[in-house]
Amino acid sequence: MNAIEILGYTAGTISTLTFLPQVIKTWRSKSAGDVSLMMFVFATVSVIMWLVYGILIKNGSIIYTNGTILILSLIMLWLKIKYK
């Protein structure tokens, strides 16, 4: 792995971590009233597009980042629906 790939995976990990606190907070509090449904719908659509792009160009860091964020976004959408 070269320095550019390390940079991509590190940036991806940090990007992924930005979603984690909201998922944990919503899961623990069992409340999603303050979470914007539209924000997570747009984020999910965007992440799906990035994931497809990463797959098409065979870029591991893009696939890793957006695959992980997709999972977190889908969890948030599920929590938002569950804990209106």
C-alpha atoms as a PDB file:
ATOM      1  CA  MET A   1       0.000   0.000   0.000  1.00  0.00           C
ATOM      2  CA  ASN A   2       1.443   3.354  -1.002  1.00  0.00           C
ATOM      3  CA  ALA A   3       1.095   6.762   0.673  1.00  0.00           C
ATOM      4  CA  ILE A   4      -1.798   7.834  -1.571  1.00  0.00           C
ATOM      5  CA  GLU A   5      -3.802   4.704  -0.687  1.00  0.00           C
ATOM      6  CA  ILE A   6      -3.057   5.211   3.014  1.00  0.00           C
ATOM      7  CA  LEU A   7      -4.316   8.785   2.692  1.00  0.00           C
ATOM      8  CA  GLY A   8      -7.507   7.563   0.997  1.00  0.00           C
ATOM      9  CA  TYR A   9      -8.224   4.910   3.636  1.00  0.00           C
ATOM     10  CA  THR A  10      -7.412   7.325   6.482  1.00  0.00           C
ATOM     11  CA  ALA A  11      -9.718   9.986   5.037  1.00  0.00           C
ATOM     12  CA  GLY A  12     -12.391   7.337   4.563  1.00  0.00           C
ATOM     13  CA  THR A  13     -12.108   6.198   8.155  1.00  0.00           C
ATOM     14  CA  ILE A  14     -12.428   9.759   9.436  1.00  0.00           C
ATOM     15  CA  SER A  15     -15.427  10.385   7.144  1.00  0.00           C
ATOM     16  CA  THR A  16     -17.059   7.221   8.434  1.00  0.00           C
ATOM     17  CA  LEU A  17     -16.503   8.292  12.038  1.00  0.00           C
ATOM     18  CA  THR A  18     -18.555  11.459  11.442  1.00  0.00           C
ATOM     19  CA  PHE A  19     -21.716   9.316  11.175  1.00  0.00           C
ATOM     20  CA  LEU A  20     -20.996   7.087  14.159  1.00  0.00           C
ATOM     21  CA  PRO A  21     -21.820   9.498  17.043  1.00  0.00           C
ATOM     22  CA  GLN A  22     -25.306  10.162  15.643  1.00  0.00           C
ATOM     23  CA  VAL A  23     -26.011   6.456  15.218  1.00  0.00           C
ATOM     24  CA  ILE A  24     -24.845   5.693  18.765  1.00  0.00           C
ATOM     25  CA  LYS A  25     -26.764   8.626  20.281  1.00  0.00           C
ATOM     26  CA  THR A  26     -29.983   7.686  18.499  1.00  0.00           C
ATOM     27  CA  TRP A  27     -29.594   4.002  19.365  1.00  0.00           C
ATOM     28  CA  ARG A  28     -29.003   4.729  23.072  1.00  0.00           C
ATOM     29  CA  SER A  29     -31.658   7.410  23.479  1.00  0.00           C
ATOM     30  CA  LYS A  30     -34.221   5.577  21.327  1.00  0.00           C
ATOM     31  CA  SER A  31     -35.187   8.980  20.006  1.00  0.00           C
ATOM     32  CA  ALA A  32     -34.746  10.288  16.473  1.00  0.00           C
ATOM     33  CA  GLY A  33     -36.924  13.372  16.687  1.00  0.00           C
ATOM     34  CA  ASP A  34     -34.017  15.750  16.105  1.00  0.00           C
ATOM     35  CA  VAL A  35     -32.610  13.746  13.189  1.00  0.00           C
ATOM     36  CA  SER A  36     -33.387  15.058   9.718  1.00  0.00           C
ATOM     37  CA  LEU A  37     -34.958  12.310   7.621  1.00  0.00           C
ATOM     38  CA  MET A  38     -34.233  14.154   4.369  1.00  0.00           C
ATOM     39  CA  MET A  39     -30.573  14.594   5.278  1.00  0.00           C
ATOM     40  CA  PHE A  40     -30.150  10.847   5.700  1.00  0.00           C
ATOM     41  CA  VAL A  41     -32.180  10.086   2.564  1.00  0.00           C
ATOM     42  CA  PHE A  42     -29.915  12.391   0.553  1.00  0.00           C
ATOM     43  CA  ALA A  43     -26.813  11.018   2.282  1.00  0.00           C
ATOM     44  CA  THR A  44     -27.887   7.453   1.507  1.00  0.00           C
ATOM     45  CA  VAL A  45     -28.534   8.195  -2.169  1.00  0.00           C
ATOM     46  CA  SER A  46     -25.215  10.034  -2.427  1.00  0.00           C
ATOM     47  CA  VAL A  47     -23.316   7.217  -0.730  1.00  0.00           C
ATOM     48  CA  ILE A  48     -24.903   4.619  -3.027  1.00  0.00           C
ATOM     49  CA  MET A  49     -23.767   6.646  -6.035  1.00  0.00           C
ATOM     50  CA  TRP A  50     -20.228   6.981  -4.629  1.00  0.00           C
ATOM     51  CA  LEU A  51     -20.156   3.253  -3.868  1.00  0.00           C
ATOM     52  CA  VAL A  52     -21.165   2.377  -7.429  1.00  0.00           C
ATOM     53  CA  TYR A  53     -18.551   4.812  -8.732  1.00  0.00           C
ATOM     54  CA  GLY A  54     -15.882   3.232  -6.532  1.00  0.00           C
ATOM     55  CA  ILE A  55     -16.843  -0.234  -7.738  1.00  0.00           C
ATOM     56  CA  LEU A  56     -16.759   0.856 -11.378  1.00  0.00           C
ATOM     57  CA  ILE A  57     -13.280   2.361 -11.085  1.00  0.00           C
ATOM     58  CA  LYS A  58     -12.145  -0.386  -8.689  1.00  0.00           C
ATOM     59  CA  ASN A  59     -10.993   2.024  -5.967  1.00  0.00           C
ATOM     60  CA  GLY A  60     -10.709   0.266  -2.611  1.00  0.00           C
ATOM     61  CA  SER A  61     -10.778   3.356  -0.401  1.00  0.00           C
ATOM     62  CA  ILE A  62     -13.932   4.704  -2.055  1.00  0.00           C
ATOM     63  CA  ILE A  63     -15.613   1.295  -1.792  1.00  0.00           C
ATOM     64  CA  TYR A  64     -14.562   0.886   1.857  1.00  0.00           C
ATOM     65  CA  THR A  65     -15.636   4.382   2.889  1.00  0.00           C
ATOM     66  CA  ASN A  66     -18.967   4.458   1.133  1.00  0.00           C
ATOM     67  CA  GLY A  67     -19.841   0.856   1.924  1.00  0.00           C
ATOM     68  CA  THR A  68     -19.348   1.573   5.616  1.00  0.00           C
ATOM     69  CA  ILE A  69     -21.195   4.901   5.508  1.00  0.00           C
ATOM     70  CA  LEU A  70     -24.029   3.218   3.601  1.00  0.00           C
ATOM     71  CA  ILE A  71     -24.465   0.743   6.440  1.00  0.00           C
ATOM     72  CA  LEU A  72     -24.500   3.562   9.013  1.00  0.00           C
ATOM     73  CA  SER A  73     -26.913   5.637   6.904  1.00  0.00           C
ATOM     74  CA  LEU A  74     -29.292   2.700   6.516  1.00  0.00           C
ATOM     75  CA  ILE A  75     -29.147   2.097  10.275  1.00  0.00           C
ATOM     76  CA  MET A  76     -30.004   5.767  10.857  1.00  0.00           C
ATOM     77  CA  LEU A  77     -32.909   5.610   8.414  1.00  0.00           C
ATOM     78  CA  TRP A  78     -34.190   2.496  10.193  1.00  0.00           C
ATOM     79  CA  LEU A  79     -33.804   4.184  13.605  1.00  0.00           C
ATOM     80  CA  LYS A  80     -35.540   7.328  12.332  1.00  0.00           C
ATOM     81  CA  ILE A  81     -38.500   5.278  11.148  1.00  0.00           C
ATOM     82  CA  LYS A  82     -38.535   3.112  14.274  1.00  0.00           C
ATOM     83  CA  TYR A  83     -38.194   5.939  16.825  1.00  0.00           C
ATOM     84  CA  LYS A  84     -40.115   8.732  15.062  1.00  0.00           C
END
